[in-house]
Amino acid sequence: MVVRYFIDKNNNNFVKDFLDENPKIMAKAFRLFKNIEEFGLTSVISHIKKLSGLPLWEIRILGKDSVRILYVNKIKEEIVLLHAFKKKTNKTPFKEITIALNRLKQIS
């Protein structure tokens, strides 16, 4: 399985930029990405969740700060990381979902 970052037409890589600002989160995320690439999504099943009614999934990174990375299964063997944010409430904020959906439209 391939893990790919969403990059917009201005060459912005939002998820990578977010992770670069948070080294501890980046280390946890890269460990998950490596497992996904080597063994597939089933290897990180406890860290992923489908957002109901949407084509989006989230990778949950827990610790001092809870972080979510929203992604989509673009093709069978590839996921595209669309958006990352620190989660402060129980429900995923609609604003964050909207950002991911807008980025998804750009690659569809």
PDB file of N, CA and C in Angstrom:
ATOM      1  N   MET A   1       0.850  -1.174   0.000  1.00  0.00           N
ATOM      2  CA  MET A   1       0.000   0.000   0.000  1.00  0.00           C
ATOM      3  C   MET A   1       0.895   1.236   0.000  1.00  0.00           C
ATOM      4  N   VAL A   2       0.488   2.258  -0.719  1.00  0.00           N
ATOM      5  CA  VAL A   2       1.241   3.502  -0.825  1.00  0.00           C
ATOM      6  C   VAL A   2       0.525   4.594  -0.031  1.00  0.00           C
ATOM      7  N   VAL A   3       1.291   5.329   0.777  1.00  0.00           N
ATOM      8  CA  VAL A   3       0.770   6.488   1.495  1.00  0.00           C
ATOM      9  C   VAL A   3       1.285   7.716   0.762  1.00  0.00           C
ATOM     10  N   ARG A   4       0.343   8.553   0.306  1.00  0.00           N
ATOM     11  CA  ARG A   4       0.710   9.725  -0.489  1.00  0.00           C
ATOM     12  C   ARG A   4       0.111  10.968   0.156  1.00  0.00           C
ATOM     13  N   TYR A   5       0.834  12.068   0.111  1.00  0.00           N
ATOM     14  CA  TYR A   5       0.347  13.342   0.626  1.00  0.00           C
ATOM     15  C   TYR A   5      -0.424  14.081  -0.455  1.00  0.00           C
ATOM     16  N   PHE A   6      -1.477  14.781  -0.055  1.00  0.00           N
ATOM     17  CA  PHE A   6      -2.163  15.701  -0.957  1.00  0.00           C
ATOM     18  C   PHE A   6      -1.284  16.932  -1.119  1.00  0.00           C
ATOM     19  N   ILE A   7      -1.032  17.335  -2.354  1.00  0.00           N
ATOM     20  CA  ILE A   7      -0.284  18.554  -2.653  1.00  0.00           C
ATOM     21  C   ILE A   7      -1.140  19.381  -3.594  1.00  0.00           C
ATOM     22  N   ASP A   8      -1.429  20.636  -3.205  1.00  0.00           N
ATOM     23  CA  ASP A   8      -2.316  21.455  -4.033  1.00  0.00           C
ATOM     24  C   ASP A   8      -1.568  22.051  -5.222  1.00  0.00           C
ATOM     25  N   LYS A   9      -2.294  22.823  -6.037  1.00  0.00           N
ATOM     26  CA  LYS A   9      -1.711  23.363  -7.268  1.00  0.00           C
ATOM     27  C   LYS A   9      -0.589  24.362  -6.997  1.00  0.00           C
ATOM     28  N   ASN A  10      -0.528  24.912  -5.773  1.00  0.00           N
ATOM     29  CA  ASN A  10       0.549  25.833  -5.402  1.00  0.00           C
ATOM     30  C   ASN A  10       1.710  25.105  -4.723  1.00  0.00           C
ATOM     31  N   ASN A  11       1.689  23.787  -4.803  1.00  0.00           N
ATOM     32  CA  ASN A  11       2.733  22.928  -4.246  1.00  0.00           C
ATOM     33  C   ASN A  11       2.770  22.937  -2.717  1.00  0.00           C
ATOM     34  N   ASN A  12       1.636  23.211  -2.072  1.00  0.00           N
ATOM     35  CA  ASN A  12       1.540  23.155  -0.611  1.00  0.00           C
ATOM     36  C   ASN A  12       1.277  21.726  -0.176  1.00  0.00           C
ATOM     37  N   ASN A  13       2.024  21.276   0.810  1.00  0.00           N
ATOM     38  CA  ASN A  13       1.866  19.939   1.358  1.00  0.00           C
ATOM     39  C   ASN A  13       1.444  20.111   2.826  1.00  0.00           C
ATOM     40  N   PHE A  14       0.129  20.252   3.043  1.00  0.00           N
ATOM     41  CA  PHE A  14      -0.414  20.650   4.337  1.00  0.00           C
ATOM     42  C   PHE A  14      -0.150  19.635   5.449  1.00  0.00           C
ATOM     43  N   VAL A  15      -0.306  18.362   5.156  1.00  0.00           N
ATOM     44  CA  VAL A  15      -0.117  17.339   6.188  1.00  0.00           C
ATOM     45  C   VAL A  15       1.354  17.277   6.593  1.00  0.00           C
ATOM     46  N   LYS A  16       2.250  17.283   5.625  1.00  0.00           N
ATOM     47  CA  LYS A  16       3.679  17.241   5.946  1.00  0.00           C
ATOM     48  C   LYS A  16       4.092  18.481   6.728  1.00  0.00           C
ATOM     49  N   ASP A  17       3.590  19.649   6.346  1.00  0.00           N
ATOM     50  CA  ASP A  17       3.900  20.881   7.078  1.00  0.00           C
ATOM     51  C   ASP A  17       3.424  20.784   8.526  1.00  0.00           C
ATOM     52  N   PHE A  18       2.212  20.253   8.726  1.00  0.00           N
ATOM     53  CA  PHE A  18       1.682  20.085  10.076  1.00  0.00           C
ATOM     54  C   PHE A  18       2.578  19.156  10.886  1.00  0.00           C
ATOM     55  N   LEU A  19       2.982  18.040  10.298  1.00  0.00           N
ATOM     56  CA  LEU A  19       3.820  17.078  11.007  1.00  0.00           C
ATOM     57  C   LEU A  19       5.214  17.645  11.291  1.00  0.00           C
ATOM     58  N   ASP A  20       5.750  18.433  10.371  1.00  0.00           N
ATOM     59  CA  ASP A  20       7.072  19.040  10.579  1.00  0.00           C
ATOM     60  C   ASP A  20       7.077  19.969  11.796  1.00  0.00           C
ATOM     61  N   GLU A  21       5.930  20.582  12.091  1.00  0.00           N
ATOM     62  CA  GLU A  21       5.824  21.490  13.233  1.00  0.00           C
ATOM     63  C   GLU A  21       5.689  20.740  14.561  1.00  0.00           C
ATOM     64  N   ASN A  22       5.419  19.441  14.513  1.00  0.00           N
ATOM     65  CA  ASN A  22       5.171  18.635  15.704  1.00  0.00           C
ATOM     66  C   ASN A  22       6.020  17.366  15.665  1.00  0.00           C
ATOM     67  N   PRO A  23       7.282  17.439  16.076  1.00  0.00           N
ATOM     68  CA  PRO A  23       8.210  16.305  15.925  1.00  0.00           C
ATOM     69  C   PRO A  23       7.754  15.005  16.598  1.00  0.00           C
ATOM     70  N   LYS A  24       7.184  15.082  17.798  1.00  0.00           N
ATOM     71  CA  LYS A  24       6.742  13.858  18.473  1.00  0.00           C
ATOM     72  C   LYS A  24       5.584  13.212  17.723  1.00  0.00           C
ATOM     73  N   ILE A  25       4.670  14.033  17.248  1.00  0.00           N
ATOM     74  CA  ILE A  25       3.540  13.518  16.475  1.00  0.00           C
ATOM     75  C   ILE A  25       4.038  12.956  15.153  1.00  0.00           C
ATOM     76  N   MET A  26       5.023  13.644  14.557  1.00  0.00           N
ATOM     77  CA  MET A  26       5.583  13.179  13.289  1.00  0.00           C
ATOM     78  C   MET A  26       6.177  11.783  13.445  1.00  0.00           C
ATOM     79  N   ALA A  27       6.884  11.543  14.531  1.00  0.00           N
ATOM     80  CA  ALA A  27       7.488  10.228  14.755  1.00  0.00           C
ATOM     81  C   ALA A  27       6.406   9.148  14.854  1.00  0.00           C
ATOM     82  N   LYS A  28       5.339   9.423  15.590  1.00  0.00           N
ATOM     83  CA  LYS A  28       4.243   8.453  15.711  1.00  0.00           C
ATOM     84  C   LYS A  28       3.564   8.241  14.362  1.00  0.00           C
ATOM     85  N   ALA A  29       3.325   9.330  13.642  1.00  0.00           N
ATOM     86  CA  ALA A  29       2.652   9.225  12.345  1.00  0.00           C
ATOM     87  C   ALA A  29       3.492   8.427  11.356  1.00  0.00           C
ATOM     88  N   PHE A  30       4.791   8.701  11.284  1.00  0.00           N
ATOM     89  CA  PHE A  30       5.647   7.985  10.339  1.00  0.00           C
ATOM     90  C   PHE A  30       5.718   6.497  10.658  1.00  0.00           C
ATOM     91  N   ARG A  31       5.672   6.164  11.950  1.00  0.00           N
ATOM     92  CA  ARG A  31       5.638   4.746  12.335  1.00  0.00           C
ATOM     93  C   ARG A  31       4.356   4.092  11.791  1.00  0.00           C
ATOM     94  N   LEU A  32       3.230   4.794  11.917  1.00  0.00           N
ATOM     95  CA  LEU A  32       1.970   4.264  11.382  1.00  0.00           C
ATOM     96  C   LEU A  32       2.029   4.163   9.858  1.00  0.00           C
ATOM     97  N   PHE A  33       2.555   5.206   9.194  1.00  0.00           N
ATOM     98  CA  PHE A  33       2.647   5.187   7.733  1.00  0.00           C
ATOM     99  C   PHE A  33       3.510   4.018   7.262  1.00  0.00           C
ATOM    100  N   LYS A  34       4.607   3.772   7.967  1.00  0.00           N
ATOM    101  CA  LYS A  34       5.494   2.669   7.595  1.00  0.00           C
ATOM    102  C   LYS A  34       4.772   1.331   7.716  1.00  0.00           C
ATOM    103  N   ASN A  35       4.003   1.160   8.806  1.00  0.00           N
ATOM    104  CA  ASN A  35       3.227  -0.077   8.970  1.00  0.00           C
ATOM    105  C   ASN A  35       2.180  -0.220   7.875  1.00  0.00           C
ATOM    106  N   ILE A  36       1.526   0.880   7.520  1.00  0.00           N
ATOM    107  CA  ILE A  36       0.523   0.832   6.450  1.00  0.00           C
ATOM    108  C   ILE A  36       1.179   0.420   5.139  1.00  0.00           C
ATOM    109  N   GLU A  37       2.319   1.016   4.828  1.00  0.00           N
ATOM    110  CA  GLU A  37       3.000   0.697   3.574  1.00  0.00           C
ATOM    111  C   GLU A  37       3.492  -0.742   3.536  1.00  0.00           C
ATOM    112  N   GLU A  38       3.976  -1.248   4.671  1.00  0.00           N
ATOM    113  CA  GLU A  38       4.502  -2.617   4.705  1.00  0.00           C
ATOM    114  C   GLU A  38       3.415  -3.677   4.796  1.00  0.00           C
ATOM    115  N   PHE A  39       2.437  -3.443   5.678  1.00  0.00           N
ATOM    116  CA  PHE A  39       1.472  -4.494   6.007  1.00  0.00           C
ATOM    117  C   PHE A  39       0.020  -4.170   5.661  1.00  0.00           C
ATOM    118  N   GLY A  40      -0.267  -2.961   5.175  1.00  0.00           N
ATOM    119  CA  GLY A  40      -1.630  -2.580   4.825  1.00  0.00           C
ATOM    120  C   GLY A  40      -2.370  -1.953   5.999  1.00  0.00           C
ATOM    121  N   LEU A  41      -3.572  -1.502   5.717  1.00  0.00           N
ATOM    122  CA  LEU A  41      -4.366  -0.799   6.724  1.00  0.00           C
ATOM    123  C   LEU A  41      -4.780  -1.685   7.892  1.00  0.00           C
ATOM    124  N   THR A  42      -4.887  -2.979   7.668  1.00  0.00           N
ATOM    125  CA  THR A  42      -5.301  -3.863   8.763  1.00  0.00           C
ATOM    126  C   THR A  42      -4.287  -3.889   9.895  1.00  0.00           C
ATOM    127  N   SER A  43      -3.041  -3.525   9.602  1.00  0.00           N
ATOM    128  CA  SER A  43      -2.014  -3.517  10.641  1.00  0.00           C
ATOM    129  C   SER A  43      -2.189  -2.371  11.638  1.00  0.00           C
ATOM    130  N   VAL A  44      -2.963  -1.365  11.269  1.00  0.00           N
ATOM    131  CA  VAL A  44      -3.175  -0.209  12.155  1.00  0.00           C
ATOM    132  C   VAL A  44      -4.662  -0.008  12.448  1.00  0.00           C
ATOM    133  N   ILE A  45      -5.408  -1.083  12.412  1.00  0.00           N
ATOM    134  CA  ILE A  45      -6.863  -1.006  12.539  1.00  0.00           C
ATOM    135  C   ILE A  45      -7.313  -0.266  13.802  1.00  0.00           C
ATOM    136  N   SER A  46      -6.540  -0.359  14.882  1.00  0.00           N
ATOM    137  CA  SER A  46      -6.929   0.328  16.113  1.00  0.00           C
ATOM    138  C   SER A  46      -6.698   1.840  16.023  1.00  0.00           C
ATOM    139  N   HIS A  47      -6.005   2.296  14.983  1.00  0.00           N
ATOM    140  CA  HIS A  47      -5.713   3.720  14.822  1.00  0.00           C
ATOM    141  C   HIS A  47      -6.518   4.384  13.710  1.00  0.00           C
ATOM    142  N   ILE A  48      -7.394   3.636  13.043  1.00  0.00           N
ATOM    143  CA  ILE A  48      -8.168   4.230  11.952  1.00  0.00           C
ATOM    144  C   ILE A  48      -9.654   4.105  12.229  1.00  0.00           C
ATOM    145  N   LYS A  49     -10.409   5.026  11.646  1.00  0.00           N
ATOM    146  CA  LYS A  49     -11.858   5.035  11.831  1.00  0.00           C
ATOM    147  C   LYS A  49     -12.496   5.679  10.610  1.00  0.00           C
ATOM    148  N   LYS A  50     -13.590   5.104  10.158  1.00  0.00           N
ATOM    149  CA  LYS A  50     -14.363   5.663   9.042  1.00  0.00           C
ATOM    150  C   LYS A  50     -15.258   6.759   9.581  1.00  0.00           C
ATOM    151  N   LEU A  51     -15.304   7.890   8.884  1.00  0.00           N
ATOM    152  CA  LEU A  51     -16.237   8.946   9.258  1.00  0.00           C
ATOM    153  C   LEU A  51     -17.568   8.627   8.597  1.00  0.00           C
ATOM    154  N   SER A  52     -18.594   8.449   9.394  1.00  0.00           N
ATOM    155  CA  SER A  52     -19.875   7.965   8.875  1.00  0.00           C
ATOM    156  C   SER A  52     -20.495   8.952   7.885  1.00  0.00           C
ATOM    157  N   GLY A  53     -20.981   8.394   6.790  1.00  0.00           N
ATOM    158  CA  GLY A  53     -21.656   9.174   5.762  1.00  0.00           C
ATOM    159  C   GLY A  53     -20.725   9.959   4.854  1.00  0.00           C
ATOM    160  N   LEU A  54     -19.429   9.768   5.001  1.00  0.00           N
ATOM    161  CA  LEU A  54     -18.453  10.506   4.197  1.00  0.00           C
ATOM    162  C   LEU A  54     -17.452   9.542   3.580  1.00  0.00           C
ATOM    163  N   PRO A  55     -16.780   9.959   2.502  1.00  0.00           N
ATOM    164  CA  PRO A  55     -15.757   9.087   1.900  1.00  0.00           C
ATOM    165  C   PRO A  55     -14.426   9.158   2.640  1.00  0.00           C
ATOM    166  N   LEU A  56     -14.421   9.806   3.799  1.00  0.00           N
ATOM    167  CA  LEU A  56     -13.181  10.041   4.540  1.00  0.00           C
ATOM    168  C   LEU A  56     -12.975   9.040   5.662  1.00  0.00           C
ATOM    169  N   TRP A  57     -11.705   8.795   5.955  1.00  0.00           N
ATOM    170  CA  TRP A  57     -11.269   8.005   7.091  1.00  0.00           C
ATOM    171  C   TRP A  57     -10.346   8.883   7.914  1.00  0.00           C
ATOM    172  N   GLU A  58     -10.137   8.516   9.173  1.00  0.00           N
ATOM    173  CA  GLU A  58      -9.184   9.263   9.975  1.00  0.00           C
ATOM    174  C   GLU A  58      -8.181   8.327  10.623  1.00  0.00           C
ATOM    175  N   ILE A  59      -6.950   8.803  10.688  1.00  0.00           N
ATOM    176  CA  ILE A  59      -5.902   8.135  11.449  1.00  0.00           C
ATOM    177  C   ILE A  59      -5.844   8.867  12.776  1.00  0.00           C
ATOM    178  N   ARG A  60      -5.970   8.108  13.860  1.00  0.00           N
ATOM    179  CA  ARG A  60      -5.971   8.705  15.195  1.00  0.00           C
ATOM    180  C   ARG A  60      -4.594   8.519  15.821  1.00  0.00           C
ATOM    181  N   ILE A  61      -3.995   9.630  16.205  1.00  0.00           N
ATOM    182  CA  ILE A  61      -2.711   9.606  16.889  1.00  0.00           C
ATOM    183  C   ILE A  61      -2.956  10.157  18.284  1.00  0.00           C
ATOM    184  N   LEU A  62      -2.771   9.288  19.262  1.00  0.00           N
ATOM    185  CA  LEU A  62      -3.072   9.660  20.639  1.00  0.00           C
ATOM    186  C   LEU A  62      -1.801   9.986  21.397  1.00  0.00           C
ATOM    187  N   GLY A  63      -1.953  10.692  22.476  1.00  0.00           N
ATOM    188  CA  GLY A  63      -0.831  11.096  23.311  1.00  0.00           C
ATOM    189  C   GLY A  63      -1.214  12.356  24.046  1.00  0.00           C
ATOM    190  N   LYS A  64      -0.229  13.170  24.382  1.00  0.00           N
ATOM    191  CA  LYS A  64      -0.501  14.438  25.060  1.00  0.00           C
ATOM    192  C   LYS A  64      -1.493  15.267  24.246  1.00  0.00           C
ATOM    193  N   ASP A  65      -1.260  15.326  22.953  1.00  0.00           N
ATOM    194  CA  ASP A  65      -2.193  15.978  22.023  1.00  0.00           C
ATOM    195  C   ASP A  65      -2.824  14.916  21.142  1.00  0.00           C
ATOM    196  N   SER A  66      -4.144  14.962  21.017  1.00  0.00           N
ATOM    197  CA  SER A  66      -4.818  14.059  20.087  1.00  0.00           C
ATOM    198  C   SER A  66      -4.798  14.690  18.702  1.00  0.00           C
ATOM    199  N   VAL A  67      -4.303  13.938  17.743  1.00  0.00           N
ATOM    200  CA  VAL A  67      -4.195  14.435  16.377  1.00  0.00           C
ATOM    201  C   VAL A  67      -4.978  13.514  15.461  1.00  0.00           C
ATOM    202  N   ARG A  68      -5.595  14.097  14.463  1.00  0.00           N
ATOM    203  CA  ARG A  68      -6.294  13.327  13.445  1.00  0.00           C
ATOM    204  C   ARG A  68      -5.735  13.694  12.082  1.00  0.00           C
ATOM    205  N   ILE A  69      -5.552  12.675  11.261  1.00  0.00           N
ATOM    206  CA  ILE A  69      -5.160  12.875   9.870  1.00  0.00           C
ATOM    207  C   ILE A  69      -6.276  12.279   9.025  1.00  0.00           C
ATOM    208  N   LEU A  70      -6.934  13.134   8.262  1.00  0.00           N
ATOM    209  CA  LEU A  70      -8.031  12.678   7.413  1.00  0.00           C
ATOM    210  C   LEU A  70      -7.453  12.226   6.075  1.00  0.00           C
ATOM    211  N   TYR A  71      -7.939  11.082   5.616  1.00  0.00           N
ATOM    212  CA  TYR A  71      -7.434  10.537   4.355  1.00  0.00           C
ATOM    213  C   TYR A  71      -8.562   9.872   3.586  1.00  0.00           C
ATOM    214  N   VAL A  72      -8.259   9.507   2.345  1.00  0.00           N
ATOM    215  CA  VAL A  72      -9.204   8.814   1.480  1.00  0.00           C
ATOM    216  C   VAL A  72      -8.462   7.669   0.805  1.00  0.00           C
ATOM    217  N   ASN A  73      -9.176   6.558   0.604  1.00  0.00           N
ATOM    218  CA  ASN A  73      -8.641   5.442  -0.191  1.00  0.00           C
ATOM    219  C   ASN A  73      -8.909   5.789  -1.641  1.00  0.00           C
ATOM    220  N   LYS A  74      -7.913   6.360  -2.309  1.00  0.00           N
ATOM    221  CA  LYS A  74      -8.104   6.809  -3.686  1.00  0.00           C
ATOM    222  C   LYS A  74      -8.205   5.636  -4.652  1.00  0.00           C
ATOM    223  N   ILE A  75      -7.271   4.740  -4.562  1.00  0.00           N
ATOM    224  CA  ILE A  75      -7.311   3.511  -5.338  1.00  0.00           C
ATOM    225  C   ILE A  75      -7.075   2.388  -4.332  1.00  0.00           C
ATOM    226  N   LYS A  76      -7.248   1.184  -4.761  1.00  0.00           N
ATOM    227  CA  LYS A  76      -7.172   0.059  -3.829  1.00  0.00           C
ATOM    228  C   LYS A  76      -5.855   0.012  -3.050  1.00  0.00           C
ATOM    229  N   GLU A  77      -4.753   0.315  -3.680  1.00  0.00           N
ATOM    230  CA  GLU A  77      -3.450   0.188  -3.022  1.00  0.00           C
ATOM    231  C   GLU A  77      -2.822   1.534  -2.664  1.00  0.00           C
ATOM    232  N   GLU A  78      -3.651   2.592  -2.518  1.00  0.00           N
ATOM    233  CA  GLU A  78      -3.104   3.915  -2.207  1.00  0.00           C
ATOM    234  C   GLU A  78      -4.060   4.685  -1.313  1.00  0.00           C
ATOM    235  N   ILE A  79      -3.502   5.361  -0.313  1.00  0.00           N
ATOM    236  CA  ILE A  79      -4.299   6.303   0.461  1.00  0.00           C
ATOM    237  C   ILE A  79      -3.678   7.679   0.284  1.00  0.00           C
ATOM    238  N   VAL A  80      -4.531   8.709   0.301  1.00  0.00           N
ATOM    239  CA  VAL A  80      -4.071  10.083   0.140  1.00  0.00           C
ATOM    240  C   VAL A  80      -4.391  10.837   1.421  1.00  0.00           C
ATOM    241  N   LEU A  81      -3.351  11.363   2.071  1.00  0.00           N
ATOM    242  CA  LEU A  81      -3.502  12.128   3.296  1.00  0.00           C
ATOM    243  C   LEU A  81      -3.927  13.541   2.925  1.00  0.00           C
ATOM    244  N   LEU A  82      -5.122  13.945   3.380  1.00  0.00           N
ATOM    245  CA  LEU A  82      -5.691  15.219   2.958  1.00  0.00           C
ATOM    246  C   LEU A  82      -5.489  16.351   3.953  1.00  0.00           C
ATOM    247  N   HIS A  83      -5.634  16.046   5.252  1.00  0.00           N
ATOM    248  CA  HIS A  83      -5.652  17.125   6.241  1.00  0.00           C
ATOM    249  C   HIS A  83      -5.269  16.573   7.607  1.00  0.00           C
ATOM    250  N   ALA A  84      -4.543  17.371   8.391  1.00  0.00           N
ATOM    251  CA  ALA A  84      -4.167  16.981   9.752  1.00  0.00           C
ATOM    252  C   ALA A  84      -4.475  18.139  10.694  1.00  0.00           C
ATOM    253  N   PHE A  85      -4.903  17.790  11.900  1.00  0.00           N
ATOM    254  CA  PHE A  85      -5.238  18.812  12.888  1.00  0.00           C
ATOM    255  C   PHE A  85      -5.208  18.221  14.286  1.00  0.00           C
ATOM    256  N   LYS A  86      -5.072  19.100  15.286  1.00  0.00           N
ATOM    257  CA  LYS A  86      -5.166  18.680  16.677  1.00  0.00           C
ATOM    258  C   LYS A  86      -6.635  18.677  17.054  1.00  0.00           C
ATOM    259  N   LYS A  87      -7.069  17.569  17.616  1.00  0.00           N
ATOM    260  CA  LYS A  87      -8.475  17.417  17.962  1.00  0.00           C
ATOM    261  C   LYS A  87      -8.679  17.834  19.416  1.00  0.00           C
ATOM    262  N   LYS A  88      -9.624  18.744  19.629  1.00  0.00           N
ATOM    263  CA  LYS A  88      -9.854  19.271  20.966  1.00  0.00           C
ATOM    264  C   LYS A  88     -11.243  18.941  21.497  1.00  0.00           C
ATOM    265  N   THR A  89     -12.117  18.398  20.647  1.00  0.00           N
ATOM    266  CA  THR A  89     -13.482  18.060  21.055  1.00  0.00           C
ATOM    267  C   THR A  89     -13.748  16.596  20.750  1.00  0.00           C
ATOM    268  N   ASN A  90     -14.852  16.081  21.261  1.00  0.00           N
ATOM    269  CA  ASN A  90     -15.192  14.675  21.009  1.00  0.00           C
ATOM    270  C   ASN A  90     -15.515  14.412  19.548  1.00  0.00           C
ATOM    271  N   LYS A  91     -16.283  15.289  18.938  1.00  0.00           N
ATOM    272  CA  LYS A  91     -16.641  15.111  17.530  1.00  0.00           C
ATOM    273  C   LYS A  91     -15.627  15.809  16.640  1.00  0.00           C
ATOM    274  N   THR A  92     -15.416  15.245  15.462  1.00  0.00           N
ATOM    275  CA  THR A  92     -14.535  15.881  14.493  1.00  0.00           C
ATOM    276  C   THR A  92     -15.221  17.157  14.001  1.00  0.00           C
ATOM    277  N   PRO A  93     -14.579  18.313  14.162  1.00  0.00           N
ATOM    278  CA  PRO A  93     -15.210  19.579  13.763  1.00  0.00           C
ATOM    279  C   PRO A  93     -15.547  19.611  12.275  1.00  0.00           C
ATOM    280  N   PHE A  94     -16.711  20.165  11.975  1.00  0.00           N
ATOM    281  CA  PHE A  94     -17.187  20.255  10.592  1.00  0.00           C
ATOM    282  C   PHE A  94     -16.212  21.052   9.732  1.00  0.00           C
ATOM    283  N   LYS A  95     -15.586  22.074  10.308  1.00  0.00           N
ATOM    284  CA  LYS A  95     -14.611  22.893   9.573  1.00  0.00           C
ATOM    285  C   LYS A  95     -13.471  22.027   9.048  1.00  0.00           C
ATOM    286  N   GLU A  96     -12.998  21.097   9.872  1.00  0.00           N
ATOM    287  CA  GLU A  96     -11.883  20.230   9.473  1.00  0.00           C
ATOM    288  C   GLU A  96     -12.321  19.244   8.385  1.00  0.00           C
ATOM    289  N   ILE A  97     -13.532  18.736   8.508  1.00  0.00           N
ATOM    290  CA  ILE A  97     -14.078  17.826   7.494  1.00  0.00           C
ATOM    291  C   ILE A  97     -14.225  18.552   6.163  1.00  0.00           C
ATOM    292  N   THR A  98     -14.706  19.790   6.206  1.00  0.00           N
ATOM    293  CA  THR A  98     -14.894  20.585   4.992  1.00  0.00           C
ATOM    294  C   THR A  98     -13.574  20.815   4.273  1.00  0.00           C
ATOM    295  N   ILE A  99     -12.521  21.097   5.026  1.00  0.00           N
ATOM    296  CA  ILE A  99     -11.200  21.291   4.414  1.00  0.00           C
ATOM    297  C   ILE A  99     -10.781  20.021   3.674  1.00  0.00           C
ATOM    298  N   ALA A 100     -10.936  18.870   4.324  1.00  0.00           N
ATOM    299  CA  ALA A 100     -10.550  17.595   3.691  1.00  0.00           C
ATOM    300  C   ALA A 100     -11.398  17.314   2.456  1.00  0.00           C
ATOM    301  N   LEU A 101     -12.702  17.578   2.538  1.00  0.00           N
ATOM    302  CA  LEU A 101     -13.577  17.329   1.384  1.00  0.00           C
ATOM    303  C   LEU A 101     -13.228  18.245   0.210  1.00  0.00           C
ATOM    304  N   ASN A 102     -12.876  19.494   0.498  1.00  0.00           N
ATOM    305  CA  ASN A 102     -12.466  20.413  -0.579  1.00  0.00           C
ATOM    306  C   ASN A 102     -11.187  19.930  -1.246  1.00  0.00           C
ATOM    307  N   ARG A 103     -10.267  19.410  -0.479  1.00  0.00           N
ATOM    308  CA  ARG A 103      -9.025  18.879  -1.058  1.00  0.00           C
ATOM    309  C   ARG A 103      -9.307  17.610  -1.858  1.00  0.00           C
ATOM    310  N   LEU A 104     -10.246  16.802  -1.385  1.00  0.00           N
ATOM    311  CA  LEU A 104     -10.630  15.598  -2.119  1.00  0.00           C
ATOM    312  C   LEU A 104     -11.191  15.967  -3.491  1.00  0.00           C
ATOM    313  N   LYS A 105     -11.999  17.021  -3.556  1.00  0.00           N
ATOM    314  CA  LYS A 105     -12.557  17.466  -4.837  1.00  0.00           C
ATOM    315  C   LYS A 105     -11.457  17.847  -5.819  1.00  0.00           C
ATOM    316  N   GLN A 106     -10.355  18.360  -5.303  1.00  0.00           N
ATOM    317  CA  GLN A 106      -9.261  18.776  -6.184  1.00  0.00           C
ATOM    318  C   GLN A 106      -8.536  17.598  -6.820  1.00  0.00           C
ATOM    319  N   ILE A 107      -8.610  16.421  -6.194  1.00  0.00           N
ATOM    320  CA  ILE A 107      -7.936  15.262  -6.779  1.00  0.00           C
ATOM    321  C   ILE A 107      -8.891  14.324  -7.501  1.00  0.00           C
ATOM    322  N   SER A 108     -10.178  14.572  -7.362  1.00  0.00           N
ATOM    323  CA  SER A 108     -11.170  13.690  -8.021  1.00  0.00           C
ATOM    324  C   SER A 108     -11.336  14.033  -9.468  1.00  0.00           C
TER     325      SER A 108
END
